[in-house]
């Protein structure tokens, strides 16, 4: 039956139809909706689902299920694979019994990431097969195929959608959801214990599995050849459709090899294609993963074919592709005079610059404002972390001086403390990130007695990626919330303070107390995200009292506050947080029920 599905929903549907028993994830755009869909539809199909504390734990839980012969899926974004790398690298040596699929969504652009890293390179590093869907329909089919491939090879298999595939919508012909097969169960065997002697033997096995995977891919339906003469293109992922549309626009027919299995490359299929070609352009986003393999293959076989792509500058190694970029590369490759990319349409003006801002009523605005006010007479460095609170680095708050990766605010602060002993260090971290990656550096700070202030911005959700749960909340049956304050005290933090960041006076008092503490101190600033609560009040401006000083706009940067005829107006996005009223020198803000 045909169903309109987002790419991430199509992956979830494919996994359910494949008979998974366990699905785990840590939220991260562009992959988050996979687990959201699985949590919605999975329980009825008998699938256990959870938001794990981080990606490494998610992989280990799924691997345990696969050791017992059950099919399992783990989903994450590309940088989550860095967190899971320790488990994944060893898991490649150990292998699995039940099918285990790692869905790792890459983010060319990047749209919502610190890096544009290419998971296909990681797959080659880990010696794991990777599938590269070009559209939601193919993502659905590839997910089902990946479980069969995993069980054939006894290896985890990576499915790598990109942002455009994850978030595009397409009609998908879905199948029925079969009953869950029985789980064979865990069988005790020395193969599950990765001692050095076993690792040495398994590495030989893992290398042999590369050739088995290559043979499987040679007959894969996700690779296809269309011959139209001695000039051709090799493409995969979304780039395949950019190429087909660009060829139509240029009114050119070329031979086309679609590669949906970029590693290990189906060499016999590619070699046969190259023997018929004189010139080939290789089109792929991000790194030249396919291109490098094709160049090696052509060199080994002494094939007299001219290969172009990233290495000779036809296409870049960074940024997201689109039809215009690919059409320009094809026109240059074919030595064509490229016409206007969209004949008859006027050129679009550049998009206006839009500075990043917190939502109206975001409690993080109060947290950053209060700490900056409390620390204005001291030399303070504010280290930051990954989440929507990273927007605190932008003006007018400008209260975040560093941001590296999940949990790094605590580690960076400790390094800075060792070389700038006279500077106070304040490390901001979100509630979900605290559980994900903040505990080890917190323990280290206590152990080394590093004088820093850790500020946990607790908005009672994982807001940046779509309001998922985390261990500090108990949103499901049988769960227990883990209290951040009790965890901090158990780790040895002696100064643990709590405040509501929308109460500026109380928050500034707590901030001053924490900054005066001799050792590590931890402050929990807790108020729910306005996107998950319904405001009971809002504010308006008394135009007669307003002096037009713009203190509220210039210091808070709230999108609900806009200039109007020498005064200030509060628009309909106001959620009634009241911060503007607390800092207005003219007391011009009035509460409205």
Protein backbone atom coordinates (compact mmCIF):
# COMPACT_ATOMS: atom_id res chain seq x y z
CA UNK A 1 0.00 0.00 0.00
CA UNK A 2 1.39 3.48 -0.88
CA UNK A 3 2.09 5.78 2.09
CA UNK A 4 3.62 9.27 2.10
CA UNK A 5 6.64 9.03 4.38
CA UNK A 6 9.50 11.24 5.43
CA UNK A 7 12.86 9.56 4.82
CA UNK A 8 13.40 8.92 8.53
CA UNK A 9 9.89 7.48 8.83
CA UNK A 10 10.60 5.24 5.84
CA UNK A 11 13.71 3.90 7.59
CA UNK A 12 11.67 3.22 10.74
CA UNK A 13 8.98 1.44 8.72
CA UNK A 14 11.58 -0.67 6.94
CA UNK A 15 13.11 -1.69 10.27
CA UNK A 16 9.74 -2.70 11.72
CA UNK A 17 8.94 -4.76 8.63
CA UNK A 18 12.39 -6.38 8.93
CA UNK A 19 11.37 -7.73 12.33
CA UNK A 20 13.49 -5.72 14.76
CA UNK A 21 13.13 -6.42 18.46
CA UNK A 22 15.20 -3.54 19.87
CA UNK A 23 15.77 0.04 18.70
CA UNK A 24 17.99 2.56 20.49
CA UNK A 25 19.11 6.11 19.76
CA UNK A 26 20.39 9.40 21.08
CA UNK A 27 18.65 12.38 19.43
CA UNK A 28 20.54 14.33 16.81
CA UNK A 29 19.38 16.16 13.70
CA UNK A 30 18.93 14.92 10.98
CA UNK A 31 18.31 11.45 12.47
CA UNK A 32 15.92 12.16 15.36
CA UNK A 33 12.62 11.30 13.65
CA UNK A 34 13.70 7.67 13.13
CA UNK A 35 13.31 6.90 16.82
CA UNK A 36 10.28 9.17 17.13
CA UNK A 37 8.52 7.07 14.49
CA UNK A 38 9.69 3.81 16.05
CA UNK A 39 8.39 4.88 19.46
CA UNK A 40 5.03 5.67 17.88
CA UNK A 41 4.59 2.46 15.88
CA UNK A 42 7.06 0.06 17.53
CA UNK A 43 5.28 -0.98 20.74
CA UNK A 44 2.29 -2.37 18.80
CA UNK A 45 4.73 -4.48 16.77
CA UNK A 46 6.55 -5.70 19.87
CA UNK A 47 9.62 -3.50 19.47
CA UNK A 48 11.49 -2.23 22.53
CA UNK A 49 12.53 1.40 21.99
CA UNK A 50 14.55 3.83 24.08
CA UNK A 51 16.39 7.13 24.01
CA UNK A 52 19.70 5.97 25.45
CA UNK A 53 21.98 8.17 27.52
CA UNK A 54 24.45 8.46 24.60
CA UNK A 55 25.31 6.79 21.29
CA UNK A 56 27.93 4.42 22.72
CA UNK A 57 25.42 3.01 25.19
CA UNK A 58 22.81 2.80 22.41
CA UNK A 59 25.15 0.68 20.26
CA UNK A 60 26.05 -1.60 23.17
CA UNK A 61 22.38 -2.23 24.03
CA UNK A 62 21.56 -3.05 20.42
CA UNK A 63 24.65 -5.24 20.15
CA UNK A 64 23.56 -7.22 23.22
CA UNK A 65 20.23 -7.91 21.54
CA UNK A 66 22.03 -8.95 18.33
CA UNK A 67 24.31 -11.30 20.33
CA UNK A 68 21.14 -13.16 21.34
CA UNK A 69 20.04 -13.44 17.70
CA UNK A 70 17.51 -10.59 17.66
CA UNK A 71 17.45 -7.93 14.99
CA UNK A 72 18.27 -4.46 16.33
CA UNK A 73 18.65 -0.92 15.00
CA UNK A 74 20.63 2.06 16.31
CA UNK A 75 20.11 5.57 14.90
CA UNK A 76 22.26 8.68 15.35
CA UNK A 77 23.75 11.63 13.47
CA UNK A 78 27.25 11.57 12.03
CA UNK A 79 28.97 13.00 15.11
CA UNK A 80 27.17 10.50 17.32
CA UNK A 81 29.21 7.83 15.57
CA UNK A 82 32.32 9.45 17.07
CA UNK A 83 30.88 8.83 20.53
CA UNK A 84 30.00 5.23 19.61
CA UNK A 85 33.30 4.55 17.81
CA UNK A 86 34.90 2.54 20.62
CA UNK A 87 32.06 0.03 20.64
CA UNK A 88 31.61 -0.03 16.85
CA UNK A 89 35.28 -0.70 16.05
CA UNK A 90 35.45 -3.69 18.39
CA UNK A 91 32.02 -4.88 17.28
CA UNK A 92 33.33 -5.17 13.71
CA UNK A 93 35.90 -7.70 14.96
CA UNK A 94 33.47 -9.60 17.18
CA UNK A 95 30.61 -9.68 14.69
CA UNK A 96 26.95 -10.29 15.45
CA UNK A 97 24.43 -13.12 15.38
CA UNK A 98 21.18 -11.25 14.69
CA UNK A 99 21.03 -8.46 12.15
CA UNK A 100 22.37 -5.16 13.50
CA UNK A 101 21.92 -1.95 11.48
CA UNK A 102 23.50 1.39 12.35
CA UNK A 103 21.62 4.27 10.72
CA UNK A 104 23.99 7.24 10.68
CA UNK A 105 22.55 10.40 9.12
CA UNK A 106 25.14 12.73 7.60
CA UNK A 107 24.64 16.49 7.34
CA UNK A 108 26.33 18.02 4.27
CA UNK A 109 26.14 21.77 4.47
CA UNK A 110 26.17 21.51 7.43
CA UNK A 111 22.65 22.50 8.44
CA UNK A 112 22.73 21.59 12.12
CA UNK A 113 26.16 20.19 12.94
CA UNK A 114 29.67 21.22 13.93
CA UNK A 115 31.22 19.15 11.12
CA UNK A 116 30.48 17.75 7.66
CA UNK A 117 32.23 14.44 8.33
CA UNK A 118 31.51 11.60 5.91
CA UNK A 119 30.34 8.35 7.49
CA UNK A 120 31.46 6.41 4.41
CA UNK A 121 35.05 7.11 5.49
CA UNK A 122 34.28 5.74 8.94
CA UNK A 123 32.73 2.63 7.36
CA UNK A 124 35.93 2.05 5.41
CA UNK A 125 37.99 2.63 8.57
CA UNK A 126 35.85 0.16 10.55
CA UNK A 127 35.65 -2.25 7.53
CA UNK A 128 31.86 -2.28 7.67
CA UNK A 129 29.54 -2.27 4.65
CA UNK A 130 27.67 0.97 4.01
CA UNK A 131 24.51 1.67 2.00
CA UNK A 132 23.86 5.14 0.54
CA UNK A 133 20.13 5.82 -0.12
CA UNK A 134 19.22 8.42 -2.72
CA UNK A 135 15.58 8.96 -1.66
CA UNK A 136 13.09 7.90 1.08
CA UNK A 137 11.82 5.00 -1.03
CA UNK A 138 15.31 3.61 -1.39
CA UNK A 139 16.06 4.24 2.30
CA UNK A 140 13.06 2.02 3.14
CA UNK A 141 14.26 -0.77 0.84
CA UNK A 142 17.88 -0.47 1.92
CA UNK A 143 16.96 -0.73 5.60
CA UNK A 144 15.19 -4.04 5.04
CA UNK A 145 18.07 -5.31 2.89
CA UNK A 146 20.65 -4.20 5.49
CA UNK A 147 19.34 -6.67 8.09
CA UNK A 148 19.64 -9.59 5.66
CA UNK A 149 23.13 -8.46 4.69
CA UNK A 150 24.12 -8.14 8.35
CA UNK A 151 23.09 -11.72 9.05
CA UNK A 152 24.76 -12.98 5.86
CA UNK A 153 28.07 -11.38 6.80
CA UNK A 154 27.65 -11.54 10.61
CA UNK A 155 28.62 -7.86 10.64
CA UNK A 156 26.91 -4.62 11.60
CA UNK A 157 25.81 -2.74 8.47
CA UNK A 158 25.68 1.06 8.17
CA UNK A 159 22.83 2.83 6.37
CA UNK A 160 23.84 6.43 5.63
CA UNK A 161 21.03 8.83 4.72
CA UNK A 162 21.89 12.51 4.37
CA UNK A 163 19.77 15.47 5.48
CA UNK A 164 17.93 15.68 2.15
CA UNK A 165 17.00 11.99 2.26
CA UNK A 166 16.11 12.03 5.97
CA UNK A 167 13.77 15.01 5.68
CA UNK A 168 12.37 14.62 2.16
CA UNK A 169 8.91 13.08 1.75
CA UNK A 170 7.98 10.50 -0.88
CA UNK A 171 5.25 7.97 -1.58
CA UNK A 172 6.54 4.57 -0.45
CA UNK A 173 4.93 1.23 -1.25
CA UNK A 174 5.07 -0.38 2.19
CA UNK A 175 4.58 -4.02 3.03
CA UNK A 176 2.88 -5.76 5.92
CA UNK A 177 4.31 -5.93 9.41
CA UNK A 178 5.07 -9.60 10.11
CA UNK A 179 4.93 -11.13 13.59
CA UNK A 180 8.20 -10.98 15.51
CA UNK A 181 10.21 -14.19 15.01
CA UNK A 182 11.36 -15.96 18.17
CA UNK A 183 14.77 -14.91 19.49
CA UNK A 184 17.25 -17.83 19.45
CA UNK A 185 18.89 -16.60 22.66
CA UNK A 186 22.45 -15.95 23.75
CA UNK A 187 24.80 -18.92 23.47
CA UNK A 188 27.91 -18.74 25.63
CA UNK A 189 31.00 -18.87 23.46
CA UNK A 190 34.57 -17.50 23.72
CA UNK A 191 33.93 -15.58 20.46
CA UNK A 192 32.06 -12.90 22.42
CA UNK A 193 35.12 -11.99 24.55
CA UNK A 194 37.52 -9.84 22.54
CA UNK A 195 40.90 -10.81 23.96
CA UNK A 196 44.01 -9.82 21.95
CA UNK A 197 44.53 -13.35 20.60
CA UNK A 198 40.92 -13.48 19.38
CA UNK A 199 41.22 -9.99 17.87
CA UNK A 200 44.24 -11.08 15.83
CA UNK A 201 42.28 -14.02 14.37
CA UNK A 202 39.12 -12.00 13.86
CA UNK A 203 40.97 -9.32 11.94
CA UNK A 204 41.78 -11.92 9.29
CA UNK A 205 38.11 -12.91 9.24
CA UNK A 206 37.00 -9.27 9.02
CA UNK A 207 39.23 -8.67 6.00
CA UNK A 208 37.76 -11.71 4.26
CA UNK A 209 34.27 -10.39 4.95
CA UNK A 210 35.12 -7.32 2.87
CA UNK A 211 35.31 -9.52 -0.21
CA UNK A 212 32.10 -11.32 0.73
CA UNK A 213 30.39 -7.94 1.03
CA UNK A 214 31.83 -6.88 -2.33
CA UNK A 215 30.40 -10.02 -3.92
CA UNK A 216 26.99 -9.35 -2.35
CA UNK A 217 27.02 -5.79 -3.66
CA UNK A 218 27.88 -6.94 -7.19
CA UNK A 219 24.31 -8.23 -7.54
CA UNK A 220 22.66 -5.51 -5.45
CA UNK A 221 19.52 -3.89 -6.91
CA UNK A 222 20.77 -0.57 -5.53
CA UNK A 223 23.44 -0.38 -8.24
CA UNK A 224 22.33 0.18 -11.83
CA UNK A 225 23.87 0.88 -15.25
CA UNK A 226 22.43 2.91 -18.11
CA UNK A 227 24.64 3.02 -21.23
CA UNK A 228 24.45 5.99 -23.61
CA UNK A 229 27.93 6.17 -25.16
CA UNK A 230 31.59 6.47 -24.12
CA UNK A 231 31.16 9.45 -21.77
CA UNK A 232 29.60 8.70 -18.42
CA UNK A 233 28.86 9.69 -14.83
CA UNK A 234 29.14 7.67 -11.62
CA UNK A 235 26.91 8.98 -8.83
CA UNK A 236 25.20 7.85 -5.64
CA UNK A 237 22.99 9.11 -2.86
CA UNK A 238 21.03 12.31 -3.56
CA UNK A 239 23.70 13.24 -6.13
CA UNK A 240 22.25 10.61 -8.46
CA UNK A 241 19.02 12.59 -8.78
CA UNK A 242 20.91 15.88 -9.07
CA UNK A 243 22.76 14.33 -12.02
CA UNK A 244 19.64 13.03 -13.77
CA UNK A 245 17.88 16.39 -13.41
CA UNK A 246 20.97 18.31 -14.51
CA UNK A 247 21.28 16.13 -17.64
CA UNK A 248 17.66 16.88 -18.50
CA UNK A 249 18.28 20.58 -18.02
CA UNK A 250 21.36 20.46 -20.26
CA UNK A 251 19.50 18.26 -22.76
CA UNK A 252 22.36 15.75 -22.77
CA UNK A 253 22.41 11.96 -22.59
CA UNK A 254 25.34 10.27 -20.88
CA UNK A 255 26.03 6.78 -19.62
CA UNK A 256 25.17 6.58 -15.94
CA UNK A 257 26.31 4.21 -13.19
CA UNK A 258 24.33 4.52 -9.95
CA UNK A 259 26.23 3.33 -6.87
CA UNK A 260 24.07 2.70 -3.81
CA UNK A 261 26.74 0.58 -2.09
CA UNK A 262 29.78 2.89 -1.86
CA UNK A 263 31.87 0.65 0.41
CA UNK A 264 33.10 -1.88 -0.40
CA UNK A 265 32.80 -0.87 -4.04
CA UNK A 266 31.22 -3.50 -6.36
CA UNK A 267 34.41 -3.65 -8.39
CA UNK A 268 33.37 -6.01 -11.18
CA UNK A 269 30.33 -3.88 -12.01
CA UNK A 270 32.42 -0.70 -12.00
CA UNK A 271 35.25 -2.28 -14.01
CA UNK A 272 32.80 -3.43 -16.69
CA UNK A 273 31.38 0.12 -16.86
CA UNK A 274 34.83 1.70 -17.12
CA UNK A 275 35.91 -0.58 -19.98
CA UNK A 276 33.15 0.99 -22.08
CA UNK A 277 34.05 4.58 -21.18
CA UNK A 278 36.56 7.14 -22.42
CA UNK A 279 35.74 9.84 -19.84
CA UNK A 280 33.86 9.60 -16.53
CA UNK A 281 32.79 12.26 -14.01
CA UNK A 282 32.27 10.98 -10.45
CA UNK A 283 29.64 12.95 -8.53
CA UNK A 284 29.33 12.44 -4.77
CA UNK A 285 28.83 14.79 -1.84
CA UNK A 286 31.53 15.29 0.76
CA UNK A 287 34.65 13.13 0.47
CA UNK A 288 35.87 11.27 -2.68
CA UNK A 289 35.07 7.86 -1.21
CA UNK A 290 33.79 6.32 -4.45
CA UNK A 291 36.22 8.35 -6.57
CA UNK A 292 39.28 7.05 -4.72
CA UNK A 293 38.14 3.46 -5.10
CA UNK A 294 37.39 3.94 -8.80
CA UNK A 295 40.82 5.51 -9.41
CA UNK A 296 42.55 2.56 -7.72
CA UNK A 297 40.43 0.08 -9.66
CA UNK A 298 41.22 1.75 -13.00
CA UNK A 299 44.94 1.91 -12.19
CA UNK A 300 45.13 -1.77 -11.15
CA UNK A 301 43.39 -2.85 -14.34
CA UNK A 302 45.34 -0.42 -16.56
CA UNK A 303 42.11 0.99 -17.97
CA UNK A 304 42.57 3.88 -20.43
CA UNK A 305 39.76 6.03 -19.03
CA UNK A 306 39.92 9.67 -17.96
CA UNK A 307 38.45 10.08 -14.45
CA UNK A 308 37.31 13.43 -13.09
CA UNK A 309 35.64 14.57 -9.89
CA UNK A 310 36.98 16.15 -6.74
CA UNK A 311 40.69 15.56 -7.24
CA UNK A 312 40.84 17.69 -10.40
CA UNK A 313 38.51 20.39 -9.08
CA UNK A 314 35.28 19.68 -10.95
CA UNK A 315 33.40 19.28 -7.67
CA UNK A 316 34.12 20.47 -4.12
CA UNK A 317 34.78 18.29 -1.07
CA UNK A 318 32.64 20.48 1.17
CA UNK A 319 29.08 21.80 1.21
CA UNK A 320 25.80 20.35 0.03
CA UNK A 321 25.21 19.72 -3.67
CA UNK A 322 22.15 20.78 -5.65
CA UNK A 323 21.09 20.63 -9.30
CA UNK A 324 22.71 23.99 -10.13
CA UNK A 325 26.11 22.97 -8.77
CA UNK A 326 26.01 19.61 -10.49
CA UNK A 327 24.79 21.14 -13.79
CA UNK A 328 27.70 23.60 -13.70
CA UNK A 329 30.17 20.76 -13.13
CA UNK A 330 28.65 18.71 -15.96
CA UNK A 331 28.69 21.69 -18.33
CA UNK A 332 32.37 22.26 -17.58
CA UNK A 333 33.13 18.55 -17.93
CA UNK A 334 31.35 18.45 -21.30
CA UNK A 335 32.75 21.84 -22.36
CA UNK A 336 29.26 23.25 -22.84
CA UNK A 337 28.15 26.87 -22.64
CA UNK A 338 25.83 26.71 -19.63
CA UNK A 339 22.65 28.69 -19.98
CA UNK A 340 20.76 30.45 -17.23
CA UNK A 341 20.06 27.68 -14.65
CA UNK A 342 16.37 28.63 -14.63
CA UNK A 343 15.48 30.27 -17.96
CA UNK A 344 12.73 32.86 -17.76
CA UNK A 345 13.00 33.33 -13.98
CA UNK A 346 14.60 36.41 -12.44
CA UNK A 347 17.65 35.93 -10.26
CA UNK A 348 16.72 35.69 -6.60
CA UNK A 349 18.15 38.25 -4.18
CA UNK A 350 20.43 36.96 -1.43
CA UNK A 351 18.67 35.86 1.73
CA UNK A 352 18.78 38.43 4.55
CA UNK A 353 21.10 37.71 7.42
CA UNK A 354 19.17 36.42 10.41
CA UNK A 355 21.07 36.29 13.70
CA UNK A 356 20.37 33.19 15.80
CA UNK A 357 18.08 33.91 18.75
CA UNK A 358 16.55 32.00 21.62
CA UNK A 359 12.79 31.49 21.40
CA UNK A 360 10.63 34.03 23.18
CA UNK A 361 10.43 33.01 26.84
CA UNK A 362 13.46 30.65 26.70
CA UNK A 363 14.78 30.22 30.26
CA UNK A 364 18.37 30.07 28.97
CA UNK A 365 18.13 33.79 28.22
CA UNK A 366 17.68 34.46 31.94
CA UNK A 367 20.48 32.03 32.86
CA UNK A 368 23.06 33.73 30.65
CA UNK A 369 21.93 37.24 31.52
CA UNK A 370 22.05 36.56 35.27
CA UNK A 371 25.52 34.98 35.18
CA UNK A 372 26.95 37.79 33.08
CA UNK A 373 25.53 40.33 35.50
CA UNK A 374 26.86 38.41 38.52
CA UNK A 375 30.32 38.08 36.97
CA UNK A 376 30.69 41.56 35.46
CA UNK A 377 33.29 42.65 38.02
CA UNK A 378 35.41 39.51 37.57
CA UNK A 379 37.56 38.02 34.84
CA UNK A 380 35.43 35.09 33.69
CA UNK A 381 35.56 32.72 30.72
CA UNK A 382 32.27 31.07 29.81
CA UNK A 383 32.73 27.67 28.16
CA UNK A 384 29.74 26.29 26.29
CA UNK A 385 28.33 23.06 24.97
CA UNK A 386 26.07 21.51 22.33
CA UNK A 387 22.35 22.27 22.41
CA UNK A 388 19.95 25.13 21.79
CA UNK A 389 21.78 27.04 24.54
CA UNK A 390 24.74 27.31 22.12
CA UNK A 391 22.79 30.32 20.83
CA UNK A 392 23.96 32.07 24.00
CA UNK A 393 27.19 32.77 22.11
CA UNK A 394 25.37 35.21 19.82
CA UNK A 395 24.84 38.90 20.65
CA UNK A 396 23.40 40.52 22.61
CA UNK A 397 23.98 37.93 25.34
CA UNK A 398 27.44 36.84 24.04
CA UNK A 399 27.80 34.63 27.10
CA UNK A 400 29.60 31.66 25.56
CA UNK A 401 33.29 31.87 24.65
CA UNK A 402 33.89 28.28 23.50
CA UNK A 403 31.92 25.42 21.99
CA UNK A 404 33.58 22.20 20.80
CA UNK A 405 31.56 19.01 21.22
CA UNK A 406 29.20 17.19 23.61
CA UNK A 407 30.45 17.59 27.20
CA UNK A 408 33.52 19.65 26.25
CA UNK A 409 32.48 22.71 28.27
CA UNK A 410 33.65 20.98 31.46
CA UNK A 411 36.88 19.64 29.97
CA UNK A 412 37.87 22.90 28.28
CA UNK A 413 37.21 24.83 31.48
CA UNK A 414 39.55 22.51 33.40
CA UNK A 415 42.31 23.00 30.83
CA UNK A 416 41.90 26.76 30.91
CA UNK A 417 41.99 26.72 34.71
CA UNK A 418 45.44 25.12 34.63
CA UNK A 419 47.01 27.87 32.54
CA UNK A 420 44.97 30.87 33.73
CA UNK A 421 44.69 30.31 37.48
CA UNK A 422 43.42 33.85 38.17
CA UNK A 423 40.44 33.50 35.83
CA UNK A 424 37.07 32.13 36.96
CA UNK A 425 35.67 29.43 34.69
CA UNK A 426 31.94 28.89 34.17
CA UNK A 427 30.94 25.82 32.13
CA UNK A 428 27.41 25.80 30.73
CA UNK A 429 25.89 22.42 29.85
CA UNK A 430 22.35 21.25 29.11
CA UNK A 431 20.44 18.68 31.14
CA UNK A 432 20.48 16.03 28.39
CA UNK A 433 24.11 16.74 27.54
CA UNK A 434 25.02 16.48 31.23
CA UNK A 435 23.93 12.85 31.24
CA UNK A 436 25.33 12.20 27.74
CA UNK A 437 28.89 13.39 28.27
CA UNK A 438 29.13 15.60 31.37
CA UNK A 439 29.60 13.04 34.12
CA UNK A 440 33.20 11.91 33.40
CA UNK A 441 34.61 15.47 33.25
CA UNK A 442 32.61 16.38 36.37
CA UNK A 443 34.19 13.47 38.24
CA UNK A 444 37.58 14.61 36.96
CA UNK A 445 37.00 18.16 38.22
CA UNK A 446 36.07 16.86 41.67
CA UNK A 447 39.03 14.50 41.77
CA UNK A 448 41.46 17.26 40.77
CA UNK A 449 39.60 19.90 42.81
CA UNK A 450 39.48 22.27 39.85
CA UNK A 451 37.88 25.60 40.79
CA UNK A 452 35.14 25.90 38.19
CA UNK A 453 31.40 26.51 38.18
CA UNK A 454 29.26 24.03 36.25
CA UNK A 455 25.89 25.44 35.23
CA UNK A 456 23.32 22.82 34.18
CA UNK A 457 20.66 24.49 32.06
CA UNK A 458 17.71 22.24 32.84
CA UNK A 459 14.71 23.00 30.62
CA UNK A 460 13.21 19.56 31.31
CA UNK A 461 13.62 18.25 27.76
CA UNK A 462 16.10 17.71 24.93
CA UNK A 463 14.85 20.80 23.15
CA UNK A 464 17.24 21.29 20.22
CA UNK A 465 16.37 18.00 18.51
CA UNK A 466 12.61 17.86 19.10
CA UNK A 467 11.87 17.55 22.83
CA UNK A 468 13.00 13.99 23.45
CA UNK A 469 13.29 12.49 26.92
CA UNK A 470 16.52 12.03 28.87
CA UNK A 471 17.51 10.32 32.13
CA UNK A 472 16.54 13.36 34.20
CA UNK A 473 12.90 12.74 33.27
CA UNK A 474 10.57 9.79 33.74
CA UNK A 475 8.27 9.94 30.73
CA UNK A 476 7.72 6.21 30.19
CA UNK A 477 6.38 3.28 32.15
CA UNK A 478 8.95 1.72 34.45
CA UNK A 479 11.39 4.63 34.20
CA UNK A 480 12.94 6.50 37.09
CA UNK A 481 14.20 10.06 36.85
CA UNK A 482 17.83 10.58 37.83
CA UNK A 483 18.21 13.69 39.97
CA UNK A 484 21.04 15.93 38.79
CA UNK A 485 21.68 17.46 42.21
CA UNK A 486 21.95 14.06 43.90
CA UNK A 487 24.27 12.82 41.16
CA UNK A 488 26.51 15.86 41.60
CA UNK A 489 26.67 15.41 45.38
CA UNK A 490 27.39 11.69 44.94
CA UNK A 491 30.29 12.66 42.66
CA UNK A 492 31.68 14.80 45.47
CA UNK A 493 30.53 18.29 44.53
CA UNK A 494 30.04 20.11 47.83
CA UNK A 495 28.39 23.31 46.55
CA UNK A 496 25.18 22.39 44.69
CA UNK A 497 22.69 25.20 44.16
CA UNK A 498 19.36 25.50 42.34
CA UNK A 499 17.35 28.45 41.03
CA UNK A 500 14.68 29.37 38.51
CA UNK A 501 16.42 31.38 35.74
CA UNK A 502 13.32 33.51 35.22
CA UNK A 503 13.80 34.76 38.79
CA UNK A 504 16.74 37.02 37.99
CA UNK A 505 17.47 38.16 41.54
CA UNK A 506 17.56 34.62 42.90
CA UNK A 507 19.66 33.39 39.96
CA UNK A 508 22.17 36.22 40.31
CA UNK A 509 22.46 35.49 44.04
CA UNK A 510 23.11 31.81 43.34
CA UNK A 511 25.63 32.73 40.63
CA UNK A 512 27.56 34.99 43.00
CA UNK A 513 27.59 32.25 45.66
CA UNK A 514 28.88 29.67 43.16
CA UNK A 515 31.57 32.02 41.84
CA UNK A 516 32.79 32.52 45.40
CA UNK A 517 33.02 28.78 46.14
CA UNK A 518 36.62 27.49 46.52
CA UNK A 519 36.27 24.19 44.65
CA UNK A 520 34.01 22.84 41.94
CA UNK A 521 30.46 24.14 42.29
CA UNK A 522 27.36 23.09 40.38
CA UNK A 523 24.32 25.28 39.72
CA UNK A 524 21.08 23.86 38.34
CA UNK A 525 18.94 26.47 36.62
CA UNK A 526 15.60 24.78 36.06
CA UNK A 527 12.58 26.05 34.15
CA UNK A 528 10.61 24.18 31.45
CA UNK A 529 11.10 25.02 27.79
CA UNK A 530 8.28 27.35 26.64
CA UNK A 531 7.67 25.07 23.65
CA UNK A 532 6.32 22.34 25.93
CA UNK A 533 4.27 24.55 28.26
CA UNK A 534 1.25 26.75 27.72
CA UNK A 535 1.77 30.34 28.91
CA UNK A 536 -0.87 31.70 31.28
CA UNK A 537 0.19 35.33 30.85
CA UNK A 538 1.98 37.63 28.46
CA UNK A 539 3.25 41.19 28.62
CA UNK A 540 2.50 44.44 26.84
CA UNK A 541 4.22 47.82 26.77
CA UNK A 542 2.72 50.86 28.41
CA UNK A 543 3.52 53.33 25.62
CA UNK A 544 3.14 56.30 27.96
CA UNK A 545 5.77 54.94 30.32
CA UNK A 546 8.21 53.59 27.71
CA UNK A 547 11.15 55.95 27.11
CA UNK A 548 12.39 54.13 24.00
CA UNK A 549 15.73 53.35 25.68
CA UNK A 550 15.76 49.86 24.07
CA UNK A 551 17.36 48.30 27.15
CA UNK A 552 15.06 45.28 26.82
CA UNK A 553 15.87 44.76 23.13
CA UNK A 554 19.59 45.45 23.37
CA UNK A 555 20.28 43.28 26.41
CA UNK A 556 17.86 40.35 25.99
CA UNK A 557 17.53 39.88 22.24
CA UNK A 558 14.03 38.43 22.63
CA UNK A 559 12.13 38.01 19.32
CA UNK A 560 8.93 39.15 21.05
CA UNK A 561 10.45 42.60 21.58
CA UNK A 562 10.46 44.83 18.48
CA UNK A 563 11.05 48.57 18.00
CA UNK A 564 7.99 50.62 17.07
CA UNK A 565 7.85 54.39 16.49
CA UNK A 566 10.49 55.33 19.02
CA UNK A 567 9.04 52.90 21.55
CA UNK A 568 8.98 49.10 21.94
CA UNK A 569 6.21 46.68 21.09
CA UNK A 570 5.69 43.13 22.37
CA UNK A 571 4.35 40.85 19.65
CA UNK A 572 2.22 37.72 19.85
CA UNK A 573 5.19 35.36 20.38
CA UNK A 574 5.45 36.54 24.02
CA UNK A 575 5.16 33.67 26.50
CA UNK A 576 5.05 35.78 29.63
CA UNK A 577 8.50 35.01 31.03
CA UNK A 578 8.71 38.55 32.43
CA UNK A 579 12.45 39.09 31.96
CA UNK A 580 11.84 42.34 30.10
CA UNK A 581 9.76 43.66 32.99
CA UNK A 582 12.54 42.81 35.43
CA UNK A 583 15.20 44.82 33.58
CA UNK A 584 13.09 47.70 32.22
CA UNK A 585 14.43 50.90 33.86
CA UNK A 586 11.11 52.71 33.20
CA UNK A 587 8.87 49.91 34.55
CA UNK A 588 6.92 50.10 31.29
CA UNK A 589 6.04 46.40 30.97
CA UNK A 590 2.59 45.29 32.12
CA UNK A 591 1.44 41.74 32.68
CA UNK A 592 -1.68 40.59 30.82
CA UNK A 593 -3.58 37.46 31.86
